[in-house]
Amino acid sequence: MLRYEALWLLEVVVAAHPPCDGWIPLSLLPDDDPEGIDTSATFFSNHAVLNFHPHHMPLELLAAELSGLFAKGDIIAADLRLAGSAPEPQHLFMPSPTAIRAILTGGVRNRWLC
């Protein structure tokens, strides 16, 4: 049985639209408002860029869920560059839990999830 958090991560990849087409920037995954406190119409969530609802996961839970999905082979990460209109993976990898936290908190822009 999938937990909500894992389902959210898998669903956001499947639902990705061009120019992402299944590739999601890892830097967009942390919630801007993990507690769901600011519900004003002016609040701009990073998930608006993904055109997907917020998950409200604290950073440690998000990192743990990603780590579990990577370990099971359900998702993969890549160094990715956009060539024209299509993303091209340069290097596929499975990041360690430490690397996942660093990517999520450091905003590394070339690391993508698929």
PDB file of N, CA and C in Angstrom:
ATOM      1  N   MET A   1       0.840  -1.175   0.000  1.00  0.00           N
ATOM      2  CA  MET A   1       0.000   0.000   0.000  1.00  0.00           C
ATOM      3  C   MET A   1       0.887   1.240   0.000  1.00  0.00           C
ATOM      4  N   LEU A   2       0.595   2.174  -0.894  1.00  0.00           N
ATOM      5  CA  LEU A   2       1.369   3.410  -0.979  1.00  0.00           C
ATOM      6  C   LEU A   2       0.865   4.433   0.025  1.00  0.00           C
ATOM      7  N   ARG A   3       1.802   5.088   0.638  1.00  0.00           N
ATOM      8  CA  ARG A   3       1.462   6.204   1.514  1.00  0.00           C
ATOM      9  C   ARG A   3       1.146   7.421   0.642  1.00  0.00           C
ATOM     10  N   TYR A   4       0.393   8.377   1.192  1.00  0.00           N
ATOM     11  CA  TYR A   4       0.038   9.586   0.446  1.00  0.00           C
ATOM     12  C   TYR A   4       1.287  10.276  -0.098  1.00  0.00           C
ATOM     13  N   GLU A   5       2.316  10.376   0.724  1.00  0.00           N
ATOM     14  CA  GLU A   5       3.516  11.100   0.330  1.00  0.00           C
ATOM     15  C   GLU A   5       4.186  10.470  -0.889  1.00  0.00           C
ATOM     16  N   ALA A   6       4.313   9.148  -0.883  1.00  0.00           N
ATOM     17  CA  ALA A   6       4.915   8.456  -2.028  1.00  0.00           C
ATOM     18  C   ALA A   6       4.032   8.586  -3.253  1.00  0.00           C
ATOM     19  N   LEU A   7       2.725   8.467  -3.059  1.00  0.00           N
ATOM     20  CA  LEU A   7       1.796   8.608  -4.176  1.00  0.00           C
ATOM     21  C   LEU A   7       1.896   9.992  -4.797  1.00  0.00           C
ATOM     22  N   TRP A   8       1.998  11.030  -3.960  1.00  0.00           N
ATOM     23  CA  TRP A   8       2.127  12.400  -4.467  1.00  0.00           C
ATOM     24  C   TRP A   8       3.364  12.517  -5.358  1.00  0.00           C
ATOM     25  N   LEU A   9       4.486  11.992  -4.886  1.00  0.00           N
ATOM     26  CA  LEU A   9       5.728  12.094  -5.661  1.00  0.00           C
ATOM     27  C   LEU A   9       5.632  11.350  -6.990  1.00  0.00           C
ATOM     28  N   LEU A  10       5.040  10.183  -6.984  1.00  0.00           N
ATOM     29  CA  LEU A  10       4.890   9.434  -8.236  1.00  0.00           C
ATOM     30  C   LEU A  10       3.890  10.124  -9.166  1.00  0.00           C
ATOM     31  N   GLU A  11       2.824  10.652  -8.596  1.00  0.00           N
ATOM     32  CA  GLU A  11       1.796  11.295  -9.405  1.00  0.00           C
ATOM     33  C   GLU A  11       2.301  12.579 -10.069  1.00  0.00           C
ATOM     34  N   VAL A  12       3.110  13.353  -9.372  1.00  0.00           N
ATOM     35  CA  VAL A  12       3.594  14.603  -9.950  1.00  0.00           C
ATOM     36  C   VAL A  12       4.495  14.330 -11.158  1.00  0.00           C
ATOM     37  N   VAL A  13       5.227  13.232 -11.143  1.00  0.00           N
ATOM     38  CA  VAL A  13       6.062  12.878 -12.302  1.00  0.00           C
ATOM     39  C   VAL A  13       5.177  12.447 -13.473  1.00  0.00           C
ATOM     40  N   VAL A  14       4.190  11.609 -13.189  1.00  0.00           N
ATOM     41  CA  VAL A  14       3.303  11.120 -14.248  1.00  0.00           C
ATOM     42  C   VAL A  14       2.486  12.257 -14.848  1.00  0.00           C
ATOM     43  N   ALA A  15       2.096  13.220 -14.029  1.00  0.00           N
ATOM     44  CA  ALA A  15       1.239  14.309 -14.491  1.00  0.00           C
ATOM     45  C   ALA A  15       2.021  15.473 -15.100  1.00  0.00           C
ATOM     46  N   ALA A  16       3.330  15.400 -15.123  1.00  0.00           N
ATOM     47  CA  ALA A  16       4.143  16.507 -15.640  1.00  0.00           C
ATOM     48  C   ALA A  16       3.839  16.755 -17.119  1.00  0.00           C
ATOM     49  N   HIS A  17       3.748  18.011 -17.457  1.00  0.00           N
ATOM     50  CA  HIS A  17       3.466  18.421 -18.835  1.00  0.00           C
ATOM     51  C   HIS A  17       4.695  19.085 -19.435  1.00  0.00           C
ATOM     52  N   PRO A  18       4.730  19.259 -20.759  1.00  0.00           N
ATOM     53  CA  PRO A  18       5.869  19.951 -21.393  1.00  0.00           C
ATOM     54  C   PRO A  18       6.124  21.279 -20.711  1.00  0.00           C
ATOM     55  N   PRO A  19       7.362  21.731 -20.559  1.00  0.00           N
ATOM     56  CA  PRO A  19       8.553  21.120 -21.140  1.00  0.00           C
ATOM     57  C   PRO A  19       9.151  20.011 -20.287  1.00  0.00           C
ATOM     58  N   CYS A  20       8.510  19.663 -19.157  1.00  0.00           N
ATOM     59  CA  CYS A  20       9.091  18.650 -18.262  1.00  0.00           C
ATOM     60  C   CYS A  20       8.910  17.234 -18.782  1.00  0.00           C
ATOM     61  N   ASP A  21       7.704  16.876 -19.235  1.00  0.00           N
ATOM     62  CA  ASP A  21       7.423  15.534 -19.748  1.00  0.00           C
ATOM     63  C   ASP A  21       8.004  14.426 -18.883  1.00  0.00           C
ATOM     64  N   GLY A  22       7.624  14.404 -17.615  1.00  0.00           N
ATOM     65  CA  GLY A  22       8.081  13.346 -16.720  1.00  0.00           C
ATOM     66  C   GLY A  22       9.346  13.671 -15.957  1.00  0.00           C
ATOM     67  N   TRP A  23       9.976  14.793 -16.256  1.00  0.00           N
ATOM     68  CA  TRP A  23      11.182  15.210 -15.524  1.00  0.00           C
ATOM     69  C   TRP A  23      10.819  16.411 -14.662  1.00  0.00           C
ATOM     70  N   ILE A  24      10.990  16.273 -13.361  1.00  0.00           N
ATOM     71  CA  ILE A  24      10.619  17.319 -12.411  1.00  0.00           C
ATOM     72  C   ILE A  24      11.878  17.841 -11.722  1.00  0.00           C
ATOM     73  N   PRO A  25      12.081  19.163 -11.715  1.00  0.00           N
ATOM     74  CA  PRO A  25      13.243  19.699 -10.980  1.00  0.00           C
ATOM     75  C   PRO A  25      13.121  19.385  -9.483  1.00  0.00           C
ATOM     76  N   LEU A  26      14.114  18.723  -8.933  1.00  0.00           N
ATOM     77  CA  LEU A  26      14.091  18.387  -7.504  1.00  0.00           C
ATOM     78  C   LEU A  26      13.994  19.642  -6.642  1.00  0.00           C
ATOM     79  N   SER A  27      14.533  20.750  -7.122  1.00  0.00           N
ATOM     80  CA  SER A  27      14.501  21.988  -6.347  1.00  0.00           C
ATOM     81  C   SER A  27      13.087  22.537  -6.174  1.00  0.00           C
ATOM     82  N   LEU A  28      12.121  22.085  -6.986  1.00  0.00           N
ATOM     83  CA  LEU A  28      10.736  22.541  -6.843  1.00  0.00           C
ATOM     84  C   LEU A  28       9.907  21.673  -5.903  1.00  0.00           C
ATOM     85  N   LEU A  29      10.464  20.583  -5.415  1.00  0.00           N
ATOM     86  CA  LEU A  29       9.673  19.663  -4.594  1.00  0.00           C
ATOM     87  C   LEU A  29       9.400  20.126  -3.166  1.00  0.00           C
ATOM     88  N   PRO A  30      10.332  20.810  -2.476  1.00  0.00           N
ATOM     89  CA  PRO A  30       9.989  21.242  -1.112  1.00  0.00           C
ATOM     90  C   PRO A  30       8.816  22.215  -1.136  1.00  0.00           C
ATOM     91  N   ASP A  31       7.893  22.044  -0.189  1.00  0.00           N
ATOM     92  CA  ASP A  31       6.754  22.945  -0.074  1.00  0.00           C
ATOM     93  C   ASP A  31       7.204  24.298   0.440  1.00  0.00           C
ATOM     94  N   ASP A  32       6.692  25.361  -0.174  1.00  0.00           N
ATOM     95  CA  ASP A  32       6.938  26.701   0.340  1.00  0.00           C
ATOM     96  C   ASP A  32       6.225  26.908   1.677  1.00  0.00           C
ATOM     97  N   ASP A  33       5.129  26.177   1.872  1.00  0.00           N
ATOM     98  CA  ASP A  33       4.305  26.320   3.062  1.00  0.00           C
ATOM     99  C   ASP A  33       3.923  24.931   3.577  1.00  0.00           C
ATOM    100  N   PRO A  34       4.888  24.179   4.175  1.00  0.00           N
ATOM    101  CA  PRO A  34       4.621  22.788   4.540  1.00  0.00           C
ATOM    102  C   PRO A  34       3.498  22.602   5.557  1.00  0.00           C
ATOM    103  N   GLU A  35       3.214  23.611   6.354  1.00  0.00           N
ATOM    104  CA  GLU A  35       2.145  23.483   7.342  1.00  0.00           C
ATOM    105  C   GLU A  35       0.781  23.852   6.765  1.00  0.00           C
ATOM    106  N   GLY A  36       0.752  24.389   5.541  1.00  0.00           N
ATOM    107  CA  GLY A  36      -0.517  24.775   4.926  1.00  0.00           C
ATOM    108  C   GLY A  36      -1.186  25.931   5.644  1.00  0.00           C
ATOM    109  N   ILE A  37      -0.381  26.824   6.221  1.00  0.00           N
ATOM    110  CA  ILE A  37      -0.926  27.929   7.028  1.00  0.00           C
ATOM    111  C   ILE A  37      -1.422  29.075   6.160  1.00  0.00           C
ATOM    112  N   ASP A  38      -0.639  29.487   5.170  1.00  0.00           N
ATOM    113  CA  ASP A  38      -0.987  30.638   4.347  1.00  0.00           C
ATOM    114  C   ASP A  38      -1.896  30.189   3.207  1.00  0.00           C
ATOM    115  N   THR A  39      -3.161  30.510   3.329  1.00  0.00           N
ATOM    116  CA  THR A  39      -4.118  30.116   2.296  1.00  0.00           C
ATOM    117  C   THR A  39      -4.610  31.327   1.512  1.00  0.00           C
ATOM    118  N   SER A  40      -3.913  32.451   1.637  1.00  0.00           N
ATOM    119  CA  SER A  40      -4.356  33.654   0.932  1.00  0.00           C
ATOM    120  C   SER A  40      -4.192  33.484  -0.568  1.00  0.00           C
ATOM    121  N   ALA A  41      -4.983  34.217  -1.307  1.00  0.00           N
ATOM    122  CA  ALA A  41      -4.957  34.139  -2.770  1.00  0.00           C
ATOM    123  C   ALA A  41      -3.654  34.680  -3.331  1.00  0.00           C
ATOM    124  N   THR A  42      -2.926  35.466  -2.541  1.00  0.00           N
ATOM    125  CA  THR A  42      -1.684  36.057  -3.039  1.00  0.00           C
ATOM    126  C   THR A  42      -0.479  35.158  -2.800  1.00  0.00           C
ATOM    127  N   PHE A  43      -0.652  34.092  -2.026  1.00  0.00           N
ATOM    128  CA  PHE A  43       0.471  33.206  -1.732  1.00  0.00           C
ATOM    129  C   PHE A  43       0.818  32.399  -2.977  1.00  0.00           C
ATOM    130  N   PHE A  44       2.077  32.469  -3.405  1.00  0.00           N
ATOM    131  CA  PHE A  44       2.515  31.757  -4.608  1.00  0.00           C
ATOM    132  C   PHE A  44       3.358  30.570  -4.181  1.00  0.00           C
ATOM    133  N   SER A  45       2.850  29.388  -4.400  1.00  0.00           N
ATOM    134  CA  SER A  45       3.562  28.163  -4.047  1.00  0.00           C
ATOM    135  C   SER A  45       4.476  27.752  -5.190  1.00  0.00           C
ATOM    136  N   ASN A  46       5.593  27.116  -4.849  1.00  0.00           N
ATOM    137  CA  ASN A  46       6.458  26.593  -5.899  1.00  0.00           C
ATOM    138  C   ASN A  46       5.722  25.534  -6.711  1.00  0.00           C
ATOM    139  N   HIS A  47       4.667  24.951  -6.166  1.00  0.00           N
ATOM    140  CA  HIS A  47       3.912  23.939  -6.897  1.00  0.00           C
ATOM    141  C   HIS A  47       3.047  24.548  -7.997  1.00  0.00           C
ATOM    142  N   ALA A  48       2.857  25.861  -7.957  1.00  0.00           N
ATOM    143  CA  ALA A  48       2.149  26.510  -9.059  1.00  0.00           C
ATOM    144  C   ALA A  48       2.952  26.363 -10.341  1.00  0.00           C
ATOM    145  N   VAL A  49       4.269  26.359 -10.235  1.00  0.00           N
ATOM    146  CA  VAL A  49       5.132  26.151 -11.398  1.00  0.00           C
ATOM    147  C   VAL A  49       4.910  24.754 -11.961  1.00  0.00           C
ATOM    148  N   LEU A  50       4.740  23.771 -11.073  1.00  0.00           N
ATOM    149  CA  LEU A  50       4.484  22.395 -11.498  1.00  0.00           C
ATOM    150  C   LEU A  50       3.031  22.186 -11.919  1.00  0.00           C
ATOM    151  N   ASN A  51       2.159  23.162 -11.605  1.00  0.00           N
ATOM    152  CA  ASN A  51       0.726  23.042 -11.848  1.00  0.00           C
ATOM    153  C   ASN A  51       0.175  21.814 -11.113  1.00  0.00           C
ATOM    154  N   PHE A  52       0.543  21.718  -9.827  1.00  0.00           N
ATOM    155  CA  PHE A  52       0.169  20.573  -9.015  1.00  0.00           C
ATOM    156  C   PHE A  52      -0.090  21.048  -7.587  1.00  0.00           C
ATOM    157  N   HIS A  53      -0.971  20.377  -6.887  1.00  0.00           N
ATOM    158  CA  HIS A  53      -1.318  20.780  -5.523  1.00  0.00           C
ATOM    159  C   HIS A  53      -0.149  20.547  -4.556  1.00  0.00           C
ATOM    160  N   PRO A  54      -0.029  21.380  -3.506  1.00  0.00           N
ATOM    161  CA  PRO A  54       1.032  21.204  -2.520  1.00  0.00           C
ATOM    162  C   PRO A  54       0.871  19.894  -1.746  1.00  0.00           C
ATOM    163  N   HIS A  55       1.979  19.368  -1.247  1.00  0.00           N
ATOM    164  CA  HIS A  55       1.943  18.109  -0.500  1.00  0.00           C
ATOM    165  C   HIS A  55       1.979  18.313   1.000  1.00  0.00           C
ATOM    166  N   HIS A  56       2.442  19.453   1.473  1.00  0.00           N
ATOM    167  CA  HIS A  56       2.534  19.789   2.896  1.00  0.00           C
ATOM    168  C   HIS A  56       3.426  18.834   3.688  1.00  0.00           C
ATOM    169  N   MET A  57       4.462  18.298   3.041  1.00  0.00           N
ATOM    170  CA  MET A  57       5.425  17.435   3.744  1.00  0.00           C
ATOM    171  C   MET A  57       6.565  18.287   4.290  1.00  0.00           C
ATOM    172  N   PRO A  58       6.927  18.111   5.557  1.00  0.00           N
ATOM    173  CA  PRO A  58       8.141  18.746   6.049  1.00  0.00           C
ATOM    174  C   PRO A  58       9.347  18.198   5.267  1.00  0.00           C
ATOM    175  N   LEU A  59      10.412  18.944   5.227  1.00  0.00           N
ATOM    176  CA  LEU A  59      11.580  18.595   4.424  1.00  0.00           C
ATOM    177  C   LEU A  59      12.132  17.199   4.760  1.00  0.00           C
ATOM    178  N   GLU A  60      12.201  16.852   6.034  1.00  0.00           N
ATOM    179  CA  GLU A  60      12.745  15.535   6.415  1.00  0.00           C
ATOM    180  C   GLU A  60      11.872  14.389   5.909  1.00  0.00           C
ATOM    181  N   LEU A  61      10.554  14.560   5.959  1.00  0.00           N
ATOM    182  CA  LEU A  61       9.654  13.529   5.450  1.00  0.00           C
ATOM    183  C   LEU A  61       9.779  13.424   3.928  1.00  0.00           C
ATOM    184  N   LEU A  62       9.862  14.562   3.252  1.00  0.00           N
ATOM    185  CA  LEU A  62      10.036  14.564   1.798  1.00  0.00           C
ATOM    186  C   LEU A  62      11.324  13.834   1.417  1.00  0.00           C
ATOM    187  N   ALA A  63      12.414  14.132   2.112  1.00  0.00           N
ATOM    188  CA  ALA A  63      13.698  13.469   1.831  1.00  0.00           C
ATOM    189  C   ALA A  63      13.601  11.971   2.084  1.00  0.00           C
ATOM    190  N   ALA A  64      12.925  11.565   3.165  1.00  0.00           N
ATOM    191  CA  ALA A  64      12.780  10.140   3.475  1.00  0.00           C
ATOM    192  C   ALA A  64      11.939   9.423   2.422  1.00  0.00           C
ATOM    193  N   GLU A  65      10.862  10.049   1.973  1.00  0.00           N
ATOM    194  CA  GLU A  65      10.008   9.441   0.946  1.00  0.00           C
ATOM    195  C   GLU A  65      10.774   9.308  -0.373  1.00  0.00           C
ATOM    196  N   LEU A  66      11.511  10.348  -0.746  1.00  0.00           N
ATOM    197  CA  LEU A  66      12.318  10.274  -1.967  1.00  0.00           C
ATOM    198  C   LEU A  66      13.356   9.167  -1.856  1.00  0.00           C
ATOM    199  N   SER A  67      14.014   9.090  -0.713  1.00  0.00           N
ATOM    200  CA  SER A  67      15.039   8.071  -0.499  1.00  0.00           C
ATOM    201  C   SER A  67      14.455   6.668  -0.660  1.00  0.00           C
ATOM    202  N   GLY A  68      13.261   6.444  -0.103  1.00  0.00           N
ATOM    203  CA  GLY A  68      12.609   5.149  -0.219  1.00  0.00           C
ATOM    204  C   GLY A  68      12.242   4.805  -1.658  1.00  0.00           C
ATOM    205  N   LEU A  69      11.740   5.774  -2.398  1.00  0.00           N
ATOM    206  CA  LEU A  69      11.374   5.539  -3.799  1.00  0.00           C
ATOM    207  C   LEU A  69      12.605   5.306  -4.666  1.00  0.00           C
ATOM    208  N   PHE A  70      13.690   6.024  -4.378  1.00  0.00           N
ATOM    209  CA  PHE A  70      14.949   5.784  -5.109  1.00  0.00           C
ATOM    210  C   PHE A  70      15.462   4.377  -4.815  1.00  0.00           C
ATOM    211  N   ALA A  71      15.424   3.977  -3.534  1.00  0.00           N
ATOM    212  CA  ALA A  71      15.945   2.669  -3.133  1.00  0.00           C
ATOM    213  C   ALA A  71      15.177   1.522  -3.789  1.00  0.00           C
ATOM    214  N   LYS A  72      13.862   1.700  -3.986  1.00  0.00           N
ATOM    215  CA  LYS A  72      13.053   0.662  -4.621  1.00  0.00           C
ATOM    216  C   LYS A  72      13.131   0.707  -6.145  1.00  0.00           C
ATOM    217  N   GLY A  73      13.771   1.743  -6.695  1.00  0.00           N
ATOM    218  CA  GLY A  73      13.874   1.864  -8.147  1.00  0.00           C
ATOM    219  C   GLY A  73      12.621   2.425  -8.800  1.00  0.00           C
ATOM    220  N   ASP A  74      11.715   3.001  -8.002  1.00  0.00           N
ATOM    221  CA  ASP A  74      10.488   3.575  -8.554  1.00  0.00           C
ATOM    222  C   ASP A  74      10.736   4.895  -9.263  1.00  0.00           C
ATOM    223  N   ILE A  75      11.779   5.600  -8.846  1.00  0.00           N
ATOM    224  CA  ILE A  75      12.142   6.869  -9.465  1.00  0.00           C
ATOM    225  C   ILE A  75      13.648   6.893  -9.690  1.00  0.00           C
ATOM    226  N   ILE A  76      14.078   7.793 -10.528  1.00  0.00           N
ATOM    227  CA  ILE A  76      15.505   7.961 -10.847  1.00  0.00           C
ATOM    228  C   ILE A  76      15.772   9.460 -10.948  1.00  0.00           C
ATOM    229  N   ALA A  77      16.992   9.851 -10.713  1.00  0.00           N
ATOM    230  CA  ALA A  77      17.381  11.254 -10.859  1.00  0.00           C
ATOM    231  C   ALA A  77      18.335  11.369 -12.036  1.00  0.00           C
ATOM    232  N   ALA A  78      18.451  12.575 -12.552  1.00  0.00           N
ATOM    233  CA  ALA A  78      19.333  12.804 -13.693  1.00  0.00           C
ATOM    234  C   ALA A  78      19.868  14.223 -13.658  1.00  0.00           C
ATOM    235  N   ASP A  79      21.086  14.372 -14.155  1.00  0.00           N
ATOM    236  CA  ASP A  79      21.556  15.697 -14.532  1.00  0.00           C
ATOM    237  C   ASP A  79      20.914  15.908 -15.896  1.00  0.00           C
ATOM    238  N   LEU A  80      20.208  16.994 -16.041  1.00  0.00           N
ATOM    239  CA  LEU A  80      19.391  17.170 -17.234  1.00  0.00           C
ATOM    240  C   LEU A  80      19.648  18.536 -17.842  1.00  0.00           C
ATOM    241  N   ARG A  81      19.650  18.585 -19.136  1.00  0.00           N
ATOM    242  CA  ARG A  81      19.695  19.882 -19.811  1.00  0.00           C
ATOM    243  C   ARG A  81      18.553  19.905 -20.807  1.00  0.00           C
ATOM    244  N   LEU A  82      18.012  21.091 -21.009  1.00  0.00           N
ATOM    245  CA  LEU A  82      16.934  21.233 -21.980  1.00  0.00           C
ATOM    246  C   LEU A  82      17.556  21.543 -23.331  1.00  0.00           C
ATOM    247  N   ALA A  83      17.305  20.687 -24.288  1.00  0.00           N
ATOM    248  CA  ALA A  83      17.812  20.876 -25.648  1.00  0.00           C
ATOM    249  C   ALA A  83      16.611  21.138 -26.551  1.00  0.00           C
ATOM    250  N   GLY A  84      16.458  22.376 -26.956  1.00  0.00           N
ATOM    251  CA  GLY A  84      15.275  22.718 -27.733  1.00  0.00           C
ATOM    252  C   GLY A  84      14.056  22.615 -26.847  1.00  0.00           C
ATOM    253  N   SER A  85      13.109  21.786 -27.227  1.00  0.00           N
ATOM    254  CA  SER A  85      11.899  21.642 -26.427  1.00  0.00           C
ATOM    255  C   SER A  85      11.881  20.337 -25.628  1.00  0.00           C
ATOM    256  N   ALA A  86      12.896  19.500 -25.791  1.00  0.00           N
ATOM    257  CA  ALA A  86      12.891  18.203 -25.117  1.00  0.00           C
ATOM    258  C   ALA A  86      14.026  18.101 -24.099  1.00  0.00           C
ATOM    259  N   PRO A  87      13.705  17.592 -22.884  1.00  0.00           N
ATOM    260  CA  PRO A  87      14.770  17.376 -21.901  1.00  0.00           C
ATOM    261  C   PRO A  87      15.635  16.187 -22.298  1.00  0.00           C
ATOM    262  N   GLU A  88      16.945  16.326 -22.073  1.00  0.00           N
ATOM    263  CA  GLU A  88      17.882  15.246 -22.387  1.00  0.00           C
ATOM    264  C   GLU A  88      18.677  14.888 -21.136  1.00  0.00           C
ATOM    265  N   PRO A  89      18.490  13.667 -20.617  1.00  0.00           N
ATOM    266  CA  PRO A  89      19.272  13.268 -19.436  1.00  0.00           C
ATOM    267  C   PRO A  89      20.734  13.065 -19.807  1.00  0.00           C
ATOM    268  N   GLN A  90      21.619  13.621 -18.990  1.00  0.00           N
ATOM    269  CA  GLN A  90      23.055  13.510 -19.222  1.00  0.00           C
ATOM    270  C   GLN A  90      23.681  12.411 -18.379  1.00  0.00           C
ATOM    271  N   HIS A  91      23.158  12.239 -17.169  1.00  0.00           N
ATOM    272  CA  HIS A  91      23.736  11.277 -16.223  1.00  0.00           C
ATOM    273  C   HIS A  91      22.625  10.818 -15.287  1.00  0.00           C
ATOM    274  N   LEU A  92      22.241   9.545 -15.333  1.00  0.00           N
ATOM    275  CA  LEU A  92      21.238   9.008 -14.430  1.00  0.00           C
ATOM    276  C   LEU A  92      21.918   8.550 -13.138  1.00  0.00           C
ATOM    277  N   PHE A  93      21.256   8.747 -11.998  1.00  0.00           N
ATOM    278  CA  PHE A  93      21.846   8.340 -10.728  1.00  0.00           C
ATOM    279  C   PHE A  93      20.760   8.168  -9.671  1.00  0.00           C
ATOM    280  N   MET A  94      21.123   7.500  -8.578  1.00  0.00           N
ATOM    281  CA  MET A  94      20.258   7.347  -7.415  1.00  0.00           C
ATOM    282  C   MET A  94      20.962   8.013  -6.238  1.00  0.00           C
ATOM    283  N   PRO A  95      20.532   9.218  -5.868  1.00  0.00           N
ATOM    284  CA  PRO A  95      21.237   9.953  -4.813  1.00  0.00           C
ATOM    285  C   PRO A  95      21.065   9.317  -3.439  1.00  0.00           C
ATOM    286  N   SER A  96      22.063   9.499  -2.622  1.00  0.00           N
ATOM    287  CA  SER A  96      22.016   9.045  -1.233  1.00  0.00           C
ATOM    288  C   SER A  96      21.068   9.965  -0.446  1.00  0.00           C
ATOM    289  N   PRO A  97      20.628   9.538   0.733  1.00  0.00           N
ATOM    290  CA  PRO A  97      19.791  10.418   1.555  1.00  0.00           C
ATOM    291  C   PRO A  97      20.454  11.769   1.839  1.00  0.00           C
ATOM    292  N   THR A  98      21.764  11.764   2.062  1.00  0.00           N
ATOM    293  CA  THR A  98      22.488  13.018   2.297  1.00  0.00           C
ATOM    294  C   THR A  98      22.450  13.904   1.056  1.00  0.00           C
ATOM    295  N   ALA A  99      22.654  13.315  -0.112  1.00  0.00           N
ATOM    296  CA  ALA A  99      22.619  14.076  -1.361  1.00  0.00           C
ATOM    297  C   ALA A  99      21.217  14.611  -1.633  1.00  0.00           C
ATOM    298  N   ILE A 100      20.192  13.841  -1.293  1.00  0.00           N
ATOM    299  CA  ILE A 100      18.813  14.301  -1.489  1.00  0.00           C
ATOM    300  C   ILE A 100      18.568  15.561  -0.675  1.00  0.00           C
ATOM    301  N   ARG A 101      18.947  15.539   0.606  1.00  0.00           N
ATOM    302  CA  ARG A 101      18.768  16.724   1.455  1.00  0.00           C
ATOM    303  C   ARG A 101      19.536  17.913   0.907  1.00  0.00           C
ATOM    304  N   ALA A 102      20.760  17.671   0.429  1.00  0.00           N
ATOM    305  CA  ALA A 102      21.573  18.771  -0.117  1.00  0.00           C
ATOM    306  C   ALA A 102      20.918  19.364  -1.360  1.00  0.00           C
ATOM    307  N   ILE A 103      20.375  18.511  -2.221  1.00  0.00           N
ATOM    308  CA  ILE A 103      19.715  19.001  -3.430  1.00  0.00           C
ATOM    309  C   ILE A 103      18.466  19.790  -3.062  1.00  0.00           C
ATOM    310  N   LEU A 104      17.676  19.277  -2.123  1.00  0.00           N
ATOM    311  CA  LEU A 104      16.426  19.944  -1.739  1.00  0.00           C
ATOM    312  C   LEU A 104      16.669  21.270  -1.046  1.00  0.00           C
ATOM    313  N   THR A 105      17.723  21.381  -0.256  1.00  0.00           N
ATOM    314  CA  THR A 105      17.970  22.619   0.489  1.00  0.00           C
ATOM    315  C   THR A 105      18.887  23.572  -0.251  1.00  0.00           C
ATOM    316  N   GLY A 106      19.707  23.052  -1.147  1.00  0.00           N
ATOM    317  CA  GLY A 106      20.643  23.916  -1.864  1.00  0.00           C
ATOM    318  C   GLY A 106      20.111  24.460  -3.175  1.00  0.00           C
ATOM    319  N   GLY A 107      18.982  23.942  -3.609  1.00  0.00           N
ATOM    320  CA  GLY A 107      18.391  24.436  -4.840  1.00  0.00           C
ATOM    321  C   GLY A 107      19.215  24.166  -6.077  1.00  0.00           C
ATOM    322  N   VAL A 108      19.899  23.017  -6.114  1.00  0.00           N
ATOM    323  CA  VAL A 108      20.688  22.669  -7.290  1.00  0.00           C
ATOM    324  C   VAL A 108      19.738  22.570  -8.478  1.00  0.00           C
ATOM    325  N   ARG A 109      19.969  23.355  -9.514  1.00  0.00           N
ATOM    326  CA  ARG A 109      19.012  23.483 -10.595  1.00  0.00           C
ATOM    327  C   ARG A 109      19.124  22.399 -11.670  1.00  0.00           C
ATOM    328  N   ASN A 110      20.211  21.680 -11.749  1.00  0.00           N
ATOM    329  CA  ASN A 110      20.365  20.725 -12.847  1.00  0.00           C
ATOM    330  C   ASN A 110      20.026  19.299 -12.421  1.00  0.00           C
ATOM    331  N   ARG A 111      19.461  19.088 -11.258  1.00  0.00           N
ATOM    332  CA  ARG A 111      19.089  17.759 -10.789  1.00  0.00           C
ATOM    333  C   ARG A 111      17.587  17.583 -10.956  1.00  0.00           C
ATOM    334  N   TRP A 112      17.197  16.557 -11.684  1.00  0.00           N
ATOM    335  CA  TRP A 112      15.789  16.331 -12.006  1.00  0.00           C
ATOM    336  C   TRP A 112      15.373  14.939 -11.581  1.00  0.00           C
ATOM    337  N   LEU A 113      14.093  14.752 -11.368  1.00  0.00           N
ATOM    338  CA  LEU A 113      13.499  13.515 -10.920  1.00  0.00           C
ATOM    339  C   LEU A 113      12.649  12.909 -12.036  1.00  0.00           C
ATOM    340  N   CYS A 114      12.730  11.602 -12.213  1.00  0.00           N
ATOM    341  CA  CYS A 114      11.855  10.927 -13.151  1.00  0.00           C
ATOM    342  C   CYS A 114      11.431   9.594 -12.569  1.00  0.00           C
TER     343      CYS A 114
END
